[in-house]
Amino acid sequence: MSTYLPTIRQLQYLVALHEHGHFGRAADASFVSQSTLSAGIRELETLLGVTLVERSRRVVRFTPLGQQVVEKAHALLRQAEDLSDLVRAAGQPLTGTLRMSVIPTIAPFMLPRILPRLRRERPELELFLREETSSDAVESLHHGRVDCVLLALPFPTGEVEQEIIGEDRFYVAYPGDEPRDLPKEIRPETIEDGRLLLLEDGHCLKEHALAACNRPELRAATSMIGTSLHTLVQMVDNGLGVTMLPEMALEAGILKGTNVIARPLDAPAAARDIALIWRKNSPRESDFRLLADELRAG
């Protein structure tokens, strides 16, 4: 039996290559040169005595065994992270490095309000942020690329722990030159077919908005889509339709400089829950619950 074992660094290189599908991008993400990353993976293959990656000029393809090794590498790296977290949790609360993914329909509206206070009151906390769609963020969490995720529920998250930060109500946004008087609250059935503008697929806000309206036919009517809430607001301001906006975006001033008018949606499920989630049995659970308290206070 070989006395040599793969190193954490070699496994990190392998996982990065699998994630990015390109040696150069994987090296950039690993903060090393491409030759260093490539050499590390070749050393791993030599150590194991197998080929994990088929290389060509244009394509990086993992062998079937390589795919299995990547899955094992994810698990081992998560355990290594847990070991570091265990030591870190024994020190001062909410200190050291913490990696958090935030979805795009929360990040630009909630973080600018919260981060300055966190930097001021938690100077020993080094918070690294990445903006990702809900599905990508949950995958990053389970693969150990991040420690926690700030997202909106309901959403399939797998086996996680969570803290609800608060409720975020939906509003319907109309062009300012609407010819009719708008009521104080908007009933879903009054939204005209063919006028609702939504975000592109991959954003959970789209599904939340459709669920809040409880009108399946609106899904087929969404022929125009936006890449961000700011884009949707500009589309509405130019008379292309109406859209659904979360309350936090309105409070952050997303309508500033436009003639868009927003009214709250009058429906039983007219809100989304903002939540912080993390992996079950994480040694840093107390840190995450403390962070959730900080986010609520923001």
Protein backbone atom coordinates (compact mmCIF):
# COMPACT_ATOMS: atom_id res chain seq x y z
CA MET A 1 0.00 0.00 0.00
CA SER A 2 1.31 3.45 -0.91
CA THR A 3 2.30 5.65 1.99
CA TYR A 4 1.70 8.76 -0.12
CA LEU A 5 -1.64 10.57 0.03
CA PRO A 6 -3.08 13.39 -2.08
CA THR A 7 -2.54 16.84 -0.64
CA ILE A 8 -5.31 19.33 0.05
CA ARG A 9 -3.78 21.65 -2.54
CA GLN A 10 -3.83 18.96 -5.24
CA LEU A 11 -7.49 18.23 -4.53
CA GLN A 12 -8.28 21.96 -4.63
CA TYR A 13 -6.66 22.24 -8.04
CA LEU A 14 -8.65 19.26 -9.33
CA VAL A 15 -11.95 20.65 -8.03
CA ALA A 16 -11.18 24.10 -9.49
CA LEU A 17 -10.50 22.58 -12.91
CA HIS A 18 -13.75 20.63 -12.74
CA GLU A 19 -15.68 23.76 -11.75
CA HIS A 20 -14.21 26.05 -14.43
CA GLY A 21 -13.54 23.55 -17.21
CA HIS A 22 -10.42 25.46 -18.25
CA PHE A 23 -6.87 25.37 -16.92
CA GLY A 24 -6.36 29.14 -17.14
CA ARG A 25 -9.61 30.07 -15.36
CA ALA A 26 -9.06 27.36 -12.74
CA ALA A 27 -5.55 28.73 -12.10
CA ASP A 28 -6.88 32.28 -11.75
CA ALA A 29 -9.51 31.09 -9.28
CA SER A 30 -6.80 29.26 -7.33
CA PHE A 31 -4.44 32.27 -7.36
CA VAL A 32 -1.63 30.28 -8.98
CA SER A 33 -0.07 30.10 -12.43
CA GLN A 34 -1.52 27.74 -15.00
CA SER A 35 1.70 25.71 -15.03
CA THR A 36 1.54 25.30 -11.24
CA LEU A 37 -2.06 24.06 -11.35
CA SER A 38 -1.38 21.73 -14.27
CA ALA A 39 1.71 20.30 -12.54
CA GLY A 40 -0.24 19.75 -9.32
CA ILE A 41 -2.92 17.75 -11.13
CA ARG A 42 -0.29 15.70 -13.00
CA GLU A 43 1.40 14.94 -9.68
CA LEU A 44 -1.96 13.77 -8.32
CA GLU A 45 -2.48 11.50 -11.33
CA THR A 46 1.05 10.09 -10.95
CA LEU A 47 0.47 9.52 -7.24
CA LEU A 48 -2.78 7.65 -7.87
CA GLY A 49 -1.47 5.90 -10.99
CA VAL A 50 -4.51 6.84 -13.09
CA THR A 51 -5.63 9.42 -15.64
CA LEU A 52 -8.21 11.80 -14.19
CA VAL A 53 -8.33 14.41 -16.95
CA GLU A 54 -8.16 14.01 -20.73
CA ARG A 55 -6.40 17.05 -22.17
CA SER A 56 -6.65 18.54 -25.64
CA ARG A 57 -6.11 21.99 -27.09
CA ARG A 58 -9.77 22.95 -26.83
CA VAL A 59 -11.45 20.61 -24.37
CA VAL A 60 -10.84 19.50 -20.79
CA ARG A 61 -12.71 16.26 -20.18
CA PHE A 62 -12.76 14.29 -16.94
CA THR A 63 -12.60 10.50 -17.16
CA PRO A 64 -15.38 8.52 -15.43
CA LEU A 65 -12.94 7.76 -12.61
CA GLY A 66 -11.94 11.42 -12.56
CA GLN A 67 -15.58 12.36 -11.97
CA GLN A 68 -15.72 10.00 -8.99
CA VAL A 69 -12.48 11.37 -7.58
CA VAL A 70 -13.84 14.93 -7.88
CA GLU A 71 -16.88 13.97 -5.81
CA LYS A 72 -14.64 12.43 -3.14
CA ALA A 73 -12.42 15.52 -3.27
CA HIS A 74 -15.42 17.76 -2.59
CA ALA A 75 -16.25 15.70 0.50
CA LEU A 76 -12.65 15.73 1.77
CA LEU A 77 -12.30 19.47 1.24
CA ARG A 78 -15.56 20.08 3.12
CA GLN A 79 -14.21 18.05 6.03
CA ALA A 80 -10.96 20.03 5.95
CA GLU A 81 -13.00 23.24 6.03
CA ASP A 82 -14.97 21.89 9.00
CA LEU A 83 -11.71 21.20 10.81
CA SER A 84 -10.60 24.79 10.31
CA ASP A 85 -14.04 26.03 11.32
CA LEU A 86 -13.92 23.98 14.51
CA VAL A 87 -10.71 25.69 15.58
CA ARG A 88 -11.98 29.09 14.52
CA ALA A 89 -15.25 28.64 16.42
CA ALA A 90 -13.26 28.10 19.62
CA GLY A 91 -11.96 31.66 19.42
CA GLN A 92 -13.82 34.95 19.43
CA PRO A 93 -17.30 34.87 17.87
CA LEU A 94 -17.74 36.07 14.30
CA THR A 95 -14.06 36.59 13.56
CA GLY A 96 -11.70 35.41 10.83
CA THR A 97 -12.64 34.56 7.25
CA LEU A 98 -16.24 33.94 6.27
CA ARG A 99 -17.33 33.31 2.67
CA MET A 100 -20.93 34.17 1.82
CA SER A 101 -22.89 33.93 -1.43
CA VAL A 102 -25.71 36.42 -1.95
CA ILE A 103 -28.31 36.30 -4.71
CA PRO A 104 -28.51 39.26 -7.16
CA THR A 105 -32.00 40.34 -6.06
CA ILE A 106 -30.73 40.89 -2.51
CA ALA A 107 -27.06 41.89 -2.77
CA PRO A 108 -27.33 45.44 -4.20
CA PHE A 109 -30.18 46.43 -1.91
CA MET A 110 -29.33 44.87 1.47
CA LEU A 111 -25.53 44.76 1.57
CA PRO A 112 -24.79 48.50 1.19
CA ARG A 113 -26.88 49.11 4.29
CA ILE A 114 -25.30 46.33 6.34
CA LEU A 115 -21.63 46.10 5.37
CA PRO A 116 -20.45 49.47 6.76
CA ARG A 117 -21.82 48.60 10.20
CA LEU A 118 -20.33 45.09 10.07
CA ARG A 119 -16.91 46.51 9.19
CA ARG A 120 -17.20 49.01 12.01
CA GLU A 121 -18.55 46.70 14.72
CA ARG A 122 -16.85 43.44 13.64
CA PRO A 123 -13.35 44.54 12.54
CA GLU A 124 -11.94 41.03 13.04
CA LEU A 125 -14.43 39.54 10.57
CA GLU A 126 -13.06 39.14 7.03
CA LEU A 127 -16.16 38.72 4.87
CA PHE A 128 -15.69 37.49 1.30
CA LEU A 129 -18.78 37.86 -0.90
CA ARG A 130 -19.78 36.27 -4.18
CA GLU A 131 -22.97 37.10 -6.07
CA GLU A 132 -24.68 34.03 -7.55
CA THR A 133 -28.13 32.85 -8.55
CA SER A 134 -29.87 30.71 -5.96
CA SER A 135 -29.09 27.39 -7.62
CA ASP A 136 -25.40 28.24 -8.07
CA ALA A 137 -25.16 29.57 -4.51
CA VAL A 138 -26.69 26.41 -3.01
CA GLU A 139 -24.29 24.29 -5.08
CA SER A 140 -21.37 26.40 -3.85
CA LEU A 141 -22.52 25.85 -0.28
CA HIS A 142 -22.77 22.07 -0.57
CA HIS A 143 -19.43 21.87 -2.41
CA GLY A 144 -17.70 23.91 0.28
CA ARG A 145 -16.88 26.94 -1.88
CA VAL A 146 -18.80 29.18 0.53
CA ASP A 147 -19.72 28.93 4.21
CA CYS A 148 -23.23 30.38 4.08
CA VAL A 149 -25.77 31.82 1.63
CA LEU A 150 -28.11 34.78 1.86
CA LEU A 151 -31.08 34.02 -0.36
CA ALA A 152 -34.88 34.09 -0.63
CA LEU A 153 -37.23 31.26 0.26
CA PRO A 154 -39.00 29.13 -0.73
CA PHE A 155 -36.23 27.46 -2.72
CA PRO A 156 -34.91 23.85 -2.72
CA THR A 157 -31.76 24.04 -0.61
CA GLY A 158 -31.17 20.44 0.42
CA GLU A 159 -30.10 19.56 3.95
CA VAL A 160 -29.23 22.90 5.55
CA GLU A 161 -29.82 24.94 8.68
CA GLN A 162 -31.46 28.32 8.32
CA GLU A 163 -32.38 31.55 10.05
CA ILE A 164 -35.15 33.73 8.64
CA ILE A 165 -33.94 37.32 8.42
CA GLY A 166 -37.28 38.86 7.53
CA GLU A 167 -40.14 39.11 5.07
CA ASP A 168 -39.85 41.04 1.80
CA ARG A 169 -43.18 42.11 0.32
CA PHE A 170 -43.87 42.27 -3.43
CA TYR A 171 -44.96 45.42 -5.25
CA VAL A 172 -46.29 45.85 -8.78
CA ALA A 173 -44.52 48.59 -10.73
CA TYR A 174 -46.30 50.56 -13.47
CA PRO A 175 -45.20 53.25 -15.94
CA GLY A 176 -45.84 56.73 -14.56
CA ASP A 177 -48.16 57.65 -17.43
CA GLU A 178 -50.73 54.94 -16.72
CA PRO A 179 -54.04 56.39 -17.98
CA ARG A 180 -56.13 54.99 -15.14
CA ASP A 181 -56.01 55.65 -11.42
CA LEU A 182 -54.18 52.87 -9.65
CA PRO A 183 -55.71 51.39 -6.46
CA LYS A 184 -53.75 51.42 -3.22
CA GLU A 185 -53.14 47.68 -3.58
CA ILE A 186 -53.03 45.54 -6.73
CA ARG A 187 -54.99 42.32 -7.08
CA PRO A 188 -53.18 39.69 -9.21
CA GLU A 189 -56.19 39.24 -11.50
CA THR A 190 -55.95 42.89 -12.59
CA ILE A 191 -52.47 42.41 -14.11
CA GLU A 192 -53.07 42.32 -17.86
CA ASP A 193 -51.92 39.32 -19.88
CA GLY A 194 -48.82 40.06 -21.92
CA ARG A 195 -47.66 43.00 -19.77
CA LEU A 196 -45.75 41.30 -16.96
CA LEU A 197 -41.97 41.61 -17.31
CA LEU A 198 -39.85 39.18 -15.31
CA LEU A 199 -36.23 38.25 -14.76
CA GLU A 200 -34.57 35.62 -16.92
CA ASP A 201 -34.53 31.97 -15.83
CA GLY A 202 -32.20 31.21 -12.94
CA HIS A 203 -33.49 33.98 -10.67
CA CYS A 204 -35.75 32.63 -7.94
CA LEU A 205 -37.57 35.98 -7.79
CA LYS A 206 -39.23 35.06 -11.07
CA GLU A 207 -40.75 31.92 -9.54
CA HIS A 208 -41.68 33.77 -6.35
CA ALA A 209 -43.47 36.48 -8.33
CA LEU A 210 -45.42 33.97 -10.39
CA ALA A 211 -46.34 32.00 -7.27
CA ALA A 212 -47.52 35.20 -5.57
CA CYS A 213 -49.83 35.96 -8.49
CA ASN A 214 -51.10 32.36 -8.63
CA ARG A 215 -51.89 32.79 -12.31
CA PRO A 216 -50.16 30.06 -14.38
CA GLU A 217 -51.10 31.73 -17.66
CA LEU A 218 -48.81 34.68 -16.84
CA ARG A 219 -45.79 32.41 -17.31
CA ALA A 220 -46.59 32.06 -21.01
CA ALA A 221 -47.09 35.80 -21.35
CA THR A 222 -43.58 36.77 -20.21
CA SER A 223 -42.10 37.27 -23.67
CA MET A 224 -39.84 40.09 -22.47
CA ILE A 225 -37.32 39.36 -19.75
CA GLY A 226 -34.66 41.32 -17.88
CA THR A 227 -31.23 40.43 -16.61
CA SER A 228 -31.59 42.49 -13.41
CA LEU A 229 -34.19 44.41 -11.44
CA HIS A 230 -32.61 47.68 -12.59
CA THR A 231 -33.14 46.60 -16.21
CA LEU A 232 -36.77 45.74 -15.50
CA VAL A 233 -37.34 49.16 -13.94
CA GLN A 234 -35.96 50.86 -17.05
CA MET A 235 -38.20 48.71 -19.25
CA VAL A 236 -41.25 49.71 -17.20
CA ASP A 237 -40.21 53.37 -17.22
CA ASN A 238 -40.17 53.21 -21.02
CA GLY A 239 -43.70 51.85 -21.16
CA LEU A 240 -42.87 48.27 -22.13
CA GLY A 241 -44.99 46.69 -19.40
CA VAL A 242 -45.26 46.17 -15.65
CA THR A 243 -43.08 44.18 -13.28
CA MET A 244 -42.84 42.85 -9.74
CA LEU A 245 -40.33 44.39 -7.33
CA PRO A 246 -39.37 43.40 -3.78
CA GLU A 247 -39.86 45.97 -1.05
CA MET A 248 -36.13 46.07 -0.21
CA ALA A 249 -35.38 47.30 -3.74
CA LEU A 250 -37.89 50.12 -3.35
CA GLU A 251 -36.46 51.09 0.04
CA ALA A 252 -32.99 51.16 -1.53
CA GLY A 253 -34.19 53.73 -4.09
CA ILE A 254 -34.39 51.63 -7.24
CA LEU A 255 -37.12 53.92 -8.64
CA LYS A 256 -35.08 57.09 -8.11
CA GLY A 257 -34.85 59.12 -11.31
CA THR A 258 -37.78 57.32 -12.93
CA ASN A 259 -41.51 57.95 -13.24
CA VAL A 260 -42.40 54.40 -12.22
CA ILE A 261 -45.23 53.96 -9.72
CA ALA A 262 -45.30 50.95 -7.36
CA ARG A 263 -48.22 49.54 -5.43
CA PRO A 264 -48.19 46.57 -2.99
CA LEU A 265 -49.53 43.28 -4.29
CA ASP A 266 -52.72 42.16 -2.55
CA ALA A 267 -52.39 38.36 -2.41
CA PRO A 268 -52.00 35.64 0.25
CA ALA A 269 -48.39 34.84 -0.77
CA ALA A 270 -47.31 38.36 -1.68
CA ALA A 271 -43.86 38.15 -0.06
CA ARG A 272 -40.64 36.16 0.02
CA ASP A 273 -38.64 35.17 3.09
CA ILE A 274 -35.04 36.37 3.28
CA ALA A 275 -32.90 33.70 4.95
CA LEU A 276 -29.33 32.83 5.85
CA ILE A 277 -28.55 29.14 5.30
CA TRP A 278 -25.51 26.98 6.08
CA ARG A 279 -24.53 23.31 6.06
CA LYS A 280 -25.96 21.07 8.76
CA ASN A 281 -23.67 20.27 11.68
CA SER A 282 -21.30 23.11 10.84
CA PRO A 283 -18.95 23.90 13.76
CA ARG A 284 -19.62 27.59 13.08
CA GLU A 285 -23.37 27.41 13.65
CA SER A 286 -23.17 29.96 16.48
CA ASP A 287 -21.33 32.35 14.13
CA PHE A 288 -24.03 32.02 11.48
CA ARG A 289 -26.83 32.62 13.96
CA LEU A 290 -24.97 35.67 15.23
CA LEU A 291 -24.52 36.87 11.64
CA ALA A 292 -28.26 36.41 11.09
CA ASP A 293 -28.87 38.66 14.11
CA GLU A 294 -26.55 41.26 12.58
CA LEU A 295 -28.40 41.08 9.27
CA ARG A 296 -31.76 41.54 11.01
CA ALA A 297 -30.44 44.57 12.86
CA GLY A 298 -29.38 46.15 9.57
